[in-house]
Protein backbone atom coordinates (compact mmCIF):
# COMPACT_ATOMS: atom_id res chain seq x y z
CA UNK A 1 -55.98 -36.47 85.03
CA UNK A 2 -59.09 -35.87 82.98
CA UNK A 3 -58.71 -33.51 80.04
CA UNK A 4 -55.09 -34.18 79.10
CA UNK A 5 -53.57 -37.08 77.22
CA UNK A 6 -51.72 -39.53 79.39
CA UNK A 7 -50.89 -43.18 78.99
CA UNK A 8 -53.96 -45.33 79.87
CA UNK A 9 -52.01 -47.11 82.61
CA UNK A 10 -51.39 -43.76 84.37
CA UNK A 11 -54.87 -42.28 84.30
CA UNK A 12 -58.05 -42.58 86.31
CA UNK A 13 -61.03 -40.38 85.61
CA UNK A 14 -64.18 -40.50 87.68
CA UNK A 15 -63.29 -43.97 88.90
CA UNK A 16 -62.79 -45.27 85.34
CA UNK A 17 -59.59 -45.60 83.38
CA UNK A 18 -58.98 -42.58 81.15
CA UNK A 19 -58.20 -44.06 77.74
CA UNK A 20 -56.31 -40.98 76.61
CA UNK A 21 -58.97 -39.68 74.27
CA UNK A 22 -59.14 -36.19 75.77
CA UNK A 23 -57.09 -33.41 74.23
CA UNK A 24 -57.11 -29.74 75.04
CA UNK A 25 -57.34 -27.25 72.20
CA UNK A 26 -53.91 -26.34 70.86
CA UNK A 27 -52.27 -29.37 72.52
CA UNK A 28 -50.18 -31.12 69.87
CA UNK A 29 -48.46 -33.54 72.26
CA UNK A 30 -50.89 -36.26 71.24
CA UNK A 31 -50.02 -36.14 67.53
CA UNK A 32 -46.91 -38.27 68.04
CA UNK A 33 -49.00 -40.77 69.96
CA UNK A 34 -51.55 -40.97 67.13
CA UNK A 35 -48.83 -41.61 64.55
CA UNK A 36 -47.27 -44.19 66.85
CA UNK A 37 -50.66 -45.83 67.31
CA UNK A 38 -51.24 -46.00 63.54
CA UNK A 39 -47.81 -47.59 63.10
CA UNK A 40 -48.56 -50.10 65.85
CA UNK A 41 -51.93 -51.00 64.28
CA UNK A 42 -50.27 -51.48 60.87
CA UNK A 43 -47.60 -53.71 62.41
CA UNK A 44 -50.26 -55.73 64.25
CA UNK A 45 -52.25 -56.24 61.04
CA UNK A 46 -49.13 -57.52 59.25
CA UNK A 47 -48.40 -59.88 62.15
CA UNK A 48 -51.98 -61.24 62.04
CA UNK A 49 -51.73 -61.86 58.27
CA UNK A 50 -48.43 -63.72 58.72
CA UNK A 51 -49.83 -65.80 61.59
CA UNK A 52 -52.98 -66.69 59.63
CA UNK A 53 -50.79 -68.37 57.04
CA UNK A 54 -48.83 -70.35 59.63
CA UNK A 55 -49.57 -73.40 61.76
CA UNK A 56 -49.91 -71.07 64.78
CA UNK A 57 -53.26 -69.60 63.69
CA UNK A 58 -56.42 -70.61 65.52
CA UNK A 59 -57.88 -72.25 62.41
CA UNK A 60 -54.86 -74.56 62.16
CA UNK A 61 -54.67 -75.18 65.90
CA UNK A 62 -58.32 -76.26 65.99
CA UNK A 63 -57.86 -78.52 62.96
CA UNK A 64 -60.26 -76.64 60.67
CA UNK A 65 -60.01 -77.56 57.00
CA UNK A 66 -61.84 -76.21 53.96
CA UNK A 67 -63.99 -78.68 52.02
CA UNK A 68 -65.98 -78.34 48.81
CA UNK A 69 -69.72 -78.76 49.33
CA UNK A 70 -72.24 -78.19 46.56
CA UNK A 71 -74.63 -75.35 47.35
CA UNK A 72 -72.45 -73.81 50.08
CA UNK A 73 -70.51 -70.58 49.61
CA UNK A 74 -67.93 -71.98 52.05
CA UNK A 75 -67.68 -75.17 54.11
CA UNK A 76 -65.17 -76.06 56.82
CA UNK A 77 -64.78 -79.26 58.84
CA UNK A 78 -63.37 -79.64 62.33
CA UNK A 79 -62.53 -82.94 64.01
CA UNK A 80 -63.84 -83.77 67.47
CA UNK A 81 -61.04 -84.53 69.92
CA UNK A 82 -60.84 -84.88 73.71
CA UNK A 83 -59.08 -81.51 74.02
CA UNK A 84 -62.07 -79.79 72.36
CA UNK A 85 -64.79 -81.80 74.13
CA UNK A 86 -67.08 -80.82 76.98
CA UNK A 87 -67.72 -82.99 80.05
CA UNK A 88 -70.13 -85.19 78.05
CA UNK A 89 -67.59 -85.84 75.29
CA UNK A 90 -69.26 -83.62 72.69
CA UNK A 91 -67.59 -80.76 70.84
CA UNK A 92 -67.75 -77.78 73.22
CA UNK A 93 -70.30 -75.15 72.15
CA UNK A 94 -67.73 -72.34 72.12
CA UNK A 95 -65.73 -74.19 69.47
CA UNK A 96 -68.90 -74.67 67.41
CA UNK A 97 -69.48 -70.90 67.70
CA UNK A 98 -65.89 -70.26 66.60
CA UNK A 99 -66.35 -72.58 63.61
CA UNK A 100 -69.53 -70.70 62.67
CA UNK A 101 -67.83 -67.32 63.01
CA UNK A 102 -64.88 -68.39 60.85
CA UNK A 103 -67.13 -69.76 58.09
CA UNK A 104 -69.49 -66.78 58.13
CA UNK A 105 -66.65 -64.24 58.33
CA UNK A 106 -64.73 -65.71 55.43
CA UNK A 107 -67.92 -66.03 53.33
CA UNK A 108 -68.75 -62.39 54.09
CA UNK A 109 -65.27 -61.22 53.03
CA UNK A 110 -65.58 -62.79 49.57
CA UNK A 111 -66.28 -60.23 46.88
CA UNK A 112 -65.72 -57.14 49.00
CA UNK A 113 -64.20 -54.10 47.33
CA UNK A 114 -60.45 -53.82 47.77
CA UNK A 115 -59.54 -52.46 51.20
CA UNK A 116 -62.98 -53.05 52.71
CA UNK A 117 -63.42 -55.44 55.62
CA UNK A 118 -66.19 -56.66 57.88
CA UNK A 119 -66.99 -56.73 61.58
CA UNK A 120 -69.44 -59.15 63.17
CA UNK A 121 -72.34 -57.17 64.60
CA UNK A 122 -74.74 -59.98 65.52
CA UNK A 123 -74.58 -63.76 65.83
CA UNK A 124 -77.52 -65.96 66.71
CA UNK A 125 -76.88 -69.68 67.28
CA UNK A 126 -79.41 -72.40 68.03
CA UNK A 127 -77.72 -75.54 69.34
CA UNK A 128 -79.91 -78.50 68.34
CA UNK A 129 -77.84 -81.64 68.99
CA UNK A 130 -74.35 -82.53 70.21
CA UNK A 131 -71.45 -83.21 67.84
CA UNK A 132 -70.04 -86.34 69.46
CA UNK A 133 -68.28 -88.36 66.79
CA UNK A 134 -67.62 -85.72 64.16
CA UNK A 135 -66.17 -84.25 62.29
CA UNK A 136 -68.35 -81.16 62.54
CA UNK A 137 -69.05 -79.54 59.18
CA UNK A 138 -70.16 -75.91 58.96
CA UNK A 139 -71.72 -74.85 55.66
CA UNK A 140 -72.19 -71.13 55.05
CA UNK A 141 -74.41 -69.37 52.56
CA UNK A 142 -74.60 -65.61 52.08
CA UNK A 143 -78.27 -64.59 52.37
CA UNK A 144 -77.80 -60.87 51.66
CA UNK A 145 -74.85 -58.84 50.46
CA UNK A 146 -75.43 -55.11 50.65
CA UNK A 147 -73.15 -52.08 50.56
CA UNK A 148 -73.28 -51.65 54.33
CA UNK A 149 -74.18 -55.09 55.69
CA UNK A 150 -73.92 -58.79 54.91
CA UNK A 151 -76.00 -61.62 56.39
CA UNK A 152 -74.77 -65.23 56.36
CA UNK A 153 -76.59 -68.43 57.35
CA UNK A 154 -74.51 -71.35 58.70
CA UNK A 155 -75.61 -74.95 59.39
CA UNK A 156 -73.40 -77.27 61.45
CA UNK A 157 -73.74 -81.05 61.18
CA UNK A 158 -72.17 -84.04 62.88
CA UNK A 159 -71.01 -85.93 59.80
CA UNK A 160 -70.87 -89.27 61.62
CA UNK A 161 -74.61 -89.18 62.35
CA UNK A 162 -75.78 -86.71 59.70
CA UNK A 163 -77.66 -84.81 62.42
CA UNK A 164 -78.09 -81.06 62.25
CA UNK A 165 -76.23 -79.83 65.36
CA UNK A 166 -76.61 -76.04 65.10
CA UNK A 167 -78.10 -73.32 62.91
CA UNK A 168 -76.87 -69.76 62.91
CA UNK A 169 -77.42 -66.38 61.34
CA UNK A 170 -74.49 -63.97 61.44
CA UNK A 171 -74.65 -60.34 60.32
CA UNK A 172 -71.69 -58.14 59.48
CA UNK A 173 -71.12 -54.45 59.03
CA UNK A 174 -69.04 -53.59 55.96
CA UNK A 175 -66.17 -51.30 56.93
CA UNK A 176 -64.56 -48.82 54.55
CA UNK A 177 -60.79 -48.93 54.10
CA UNK A 178 -58.76 -47.49 56.95
CA UNK A 179 -57.30 -44.06 56.37
CA UNK A 180 -53.51 -44.17 56.15
């Protein structure tokens, strides 16, 4: 029903799922749901932090490792393997995009005020050459760090050939701390 809070799985409104955002004036039945939602979000954030530090996190599963590179704010390498390759044997473009996003996101998070975070709002990637032998190395450099936005440039190279494989610009919105 439109206009009253129900679980999203129960509701349809105008042919679209009602996400439970409607509340009639004076209806306090949703307050428990909001508190429950905040608790669930907090639990999910703790689970993500724990997973990031384990071998189960995407970064570990994809074999990404930090490396020190002069002139880069952050650099990460990722090996090329058959499980990550496209039909031509090159590192699949989606994994290159993931590598870019991880490098840019971590570089953007450096130096933020306590409690602040970022959200990717735009990513532009130009694929220039395949990464066949690898490893792929992504080097990120913060171009602009403002109060509300951060822009990061990332170059990806195939270290076996030295060829520039991709260039990217990623912009982030700086998010204020979540209200408790």
